[in-house]
Amino acid sequence: MKIVYTPISTLVPSLTPEQDAEILAAAGEDSVLVVAKTPDRQREEIVDADVLFGRVSRRSSPRRGGCATTTASARVWTPSSRPSWSRAT
């Protein structure tokens, strides 16, 4: 599973090593966490991501008009909570 994290300066500007480990443990074996700080890196990484933590601006999305969304289950995580399953909307 590929997890892309895009820092949001006003909400979660960075993850601690402990948070990185917690995310990867919840995601399972063979998971990778990619930190995409710049719009160019976000655009490159979001294309094949399974999970996005953060936001990707319209300018960063792979195609104009934003990224595609699905209604599949997604891993949801916030710094104040443990990972849990939720339905994406």
C-alpha atoms as a PDB file:
ATOM      1  CA  MET A   1       0.000   0.000   0.000  1.00  0.00           C
ATOM      2  CA  LYS A   2       1.338   3.432  -0.933  1.00  0.00           C
ATOM      3  CA  ILE A   3       0.455   6.211   1.510  1.00  0.00           C
ATOM      4  CA  VAL A   4       1.131   9.813   0.521  1.00  0.00           C
ATOM      5  CA  TYR A   5       1.357  12.464   3.235  1.00  0.00           C
ATOM      6  CA  THR A   6       1.162  16.119   2.233  1.00  0.00           C
ATOM      7  CA  PRO A   7       2.062  18.450   5.107  1.00  0.00           C
ATOM      8  CA  ILE A   8      -0.506  21.123   5.943  1.00  0.00           C
ATOM      9  CA  SER A   9       1.307  23.940   7.739  1.00  0.00           C
ATOM     10  CA  THR A  10      -1.692  25.034   9.795  1.00  0.00           C
ATOM     11  CA  LEU A  11      -2.907  21.549  10.787  1.00  0.00           C
ATOM     12  CA  VAL A  12      -0.191  18.886  10.662  1.00  0.00           C
ATOM     13  CA  PRO A  13       3.064  20.416   9.419  1.00  0.00           C
ATOM     14  CA  SER A  14       5.053  17.214   9.952  1.00  0.00           C
ATOM     15  CA  LEU A  15       4.888  13.699  11.331  1.00  0.00           C
ATOM     16  CA  THR A  16       7.077  12.411  14.124  1.00  0.00           C
ATOM     17  CA  PRO A  17       9.036   9.189  13.659  1.00  0.00           C
ATOM     18  CA  GLU A  18       6.586   7.554  16.082  1.00  0.00           C
ATOM     19  CA  GLN A  19       3.639   8.651  13.927  1.00  0.00           C
ATOM     20  CA  ASP A  20       5.378   7.333  10.802  1.00  0.00           C
ATOM     21  CA  ALA A  21       5.845   3.974  12.525  1.00  0.00           C
ATOM     22  CA  GLU A  22       2.238   3.888  13.740  1.00  0.00           C
ATOM     23  CA  ILE A  23       0.881   4.602  10.266  1.00  0.00           C
ATOM     24  CA  LEU A  24       3.054   1.940   8.656  1.00  0.00           C
ATOM     25  CA  ALA A  25       2.192  -0.618  11.341  1.00  0.00           C
ATOM     26  CA  ALA A  26      -1.523  -0.026  10.768  1.00  0.00           C
ATOM     27  CA  ALA A  27      -1.097  -0.229   6.986  1.00  0.00           C
ATOM     28  CA  GLY A  28       0.604  -3.598   7.073  1.00  0.00           C
ATOM     29  CA  GLU A  29       3.563  -5.248   5.421  1.00  0.00           C
ATOM     30  CA  ASP A  30       4.984  -3.860   2.190  1.00  0.00           C
ATOM     31  CA  SER A  31       3.447  -0.431   2.860  1.00  0.00           C
ATOM     32  CA  VAL A  32       5.377   2.714   2.108  1.00  0.00           C
ATOM     33  CA  LEU A  33       4.862   6.245   3.433  1.00  0.00           C
ATOM     34  CA  VAL A  34       5.869   9.031   1.045  1.00  0.00           C
ATOM     35  CA  VAL A  35       6.141  12.650   2.246  1.00  0.00           C
ATOM     36  CA  ALA A  36       5.296  14.963  -0.653  1.00  0.00           C
ATOM     37  CA  LYS A  37       6.009  18.560   0.384  1.00  0.00           C
ATOM     38  CA  THR A  38       6.026  20.326  -2.970  1.00  0.00           C
ATOM     39  CA  PRO A  39       3.280  20.555  -5.612  1.00  0.00           C
ATOM     40  CA  ASP A  40       5.554  18.834  -8.141  1.00  0.00           C
ATOM     41  CA  ARG A  41       6.217  15.909  -5.789  1.00  0.00           C
ATOM     42  CA  GLN A  42       2.508  15.711  -4.885  1.00  0.00           C
ATOM     43  CA  ARG A  43       1.579  15.540  -8.561  1.00  0.00           C
ATOM     44  CA  GLU A  44       4.135  12.783  -9.116  1.00  0.00           C
ATOM     45  CA  GLU A  45       3.188  10.670  -6.096  1.00  0.00           C
ATOM     46  CA  ILE A  46      -0.627  10.955  -5.994  1.00  0.00           C
ATOM     47  CA  VAL A  47      -1.097   9.131  -9.295  1.00  0.00           C
ATOM     48  CA  ASP A  48      -0.609   5.649  -7.827  1.00  0.00           C
ATOM     49  CA  ALA A  49      -1.338   6.344  -4.144  1.00  0.00           C
ATOM     50  CA  ASP A  50      -3.746   4.139  -2.230  1.00  0.00           C
ATOM     51  CA  VAL A  51      -4.190   6.595   0.649  1.00  0.00           C
ATOM     52  CA  LEU A  52      -3.727  10.362   0.972  1.00  0.00           C
ATOM     53  CA  PHE A  53      -3.142  12.086   4.298  1.00  0.00           C
ATOM     54  CA  GLY A  54      -3.449  15.805   3.698  1.00  0.00           C
ATOM     55  CA  ARG A  55      -4.576  17.783   0.699  1.00  0.00           C
ATOM     56  CA  VAL A  56      -3.572  18.056  -2.918  1.00  0.00           C
ATOM     57  CA  SER A  57      -4.420  21.357  -4.544  1.00  0.00           C
ATOM     58  CA  ARG A  58      -6.057  21.545  -7.961  1.00  0.00           C
ATOM     59  CA  ARG A  59      -2.736  22.768  -9.321  1.00  0.00           C
ATOM     60  CA  SER A  60      -1.053  19.645  -7.973  1.00  0.00           C
ATOM     61  CA  SER A  61      -3.635  17.134  -9.147  1.00  0.00           C
ATOM     62  CA  PRO A  62      -2.659  14.914 -12.073  1.00  0.00           C
ATOM     63  CA  ARG A  63      -5.439  16.248 -14.256  1.00  0.00           C
ATOM     64  CA  ARG A  64      -7.303  19.506 -14.315  1.00  0.00           C
ATOM     65  CA  GLY A  65     -10.416  19.490 -12.187  1.00  0.00           C
ATOM     66  CA  GLY A  66      -8.961  17.526  -9.300  1.00  0.00           C
ATOM     67  CA  CYS A  67      -8.274  13.946  -8.388  1.00  0.00           C
ATOM     68  CA  ALA A  68     -10.681  11.094  -8.854  1.00  0.00           C
ATOM     69  CA  THR A  69     -12.356   9.808  -5.704  1.00  0.00           C
ATOM     70  CA  THR A  70     -13.878   6.464  -4.858  1.00  0.00           C
ATOM     71  CA  THR A  71     -16.291   5.143  -2.270  1.00  0.00           C
ATOM     72  CA  ALA A  72     -13.978   2.318  -1.231  1.00  0.00           C
ATOM     73  CA  SER A  73     -12.842   1.920   2.346  1.00  0.00           C
ATOM     74  CA  ALA A  74      -9.934   4.143   3.249  1.00  0.00           C
ATOM     75  CA  ARG A  75      -7.523   4.276   6.165  1.00  0.00           C
ATOM     76  CA  VAL A  76      -8.219   7.388   8.225  1.00  0.00           C
ATOM     77  CA  TRP A  77      -5.671   8.783  10.663  1.00  0.00           C
ATOM     78  CA  THR A  78      -5.245  11.996  12.603  1.00  0.00           C
ATOM     79  CA  PRO A  79      -2.463  12.912  15.032  1.00  0.00           C
ATOM     80  CA  SER A  80      -4.909  12.748  17.954  1.00  0.00           C
ATOM     81  CA  SER A  81      -6.364   9.345  17.110  1.00  0.00           C
ATOM     82  CA  ARG A  82      -5.343   5.827  16.290  1.00  0.00           C
ATOM     83  CA  PRO A  83      -5.836   4.567  12.718  1.00  0.00           C
ATOM     84  CA  SER A  84      -9.319   3.253  12.013  1.00  0.00           C
ATOM     85  CA  TRP A  85     -11.366   2.104   9.046  1.00  0.00           C
ATOM     86  CA  SER A  86     -13.920   4.497   7.643  1.00  0.00           C
ATOM     87  CA  ARG A  87     -16.039   4.797   4.532  1.00  0.00           C
ATOM     88  CA  ALA A  88     -14.766   7.492   2.182  1.00  0.00           C
ATOM     89  CA  THR A  89     -17.463   9.876   1.009  1.00  0.00           C
END
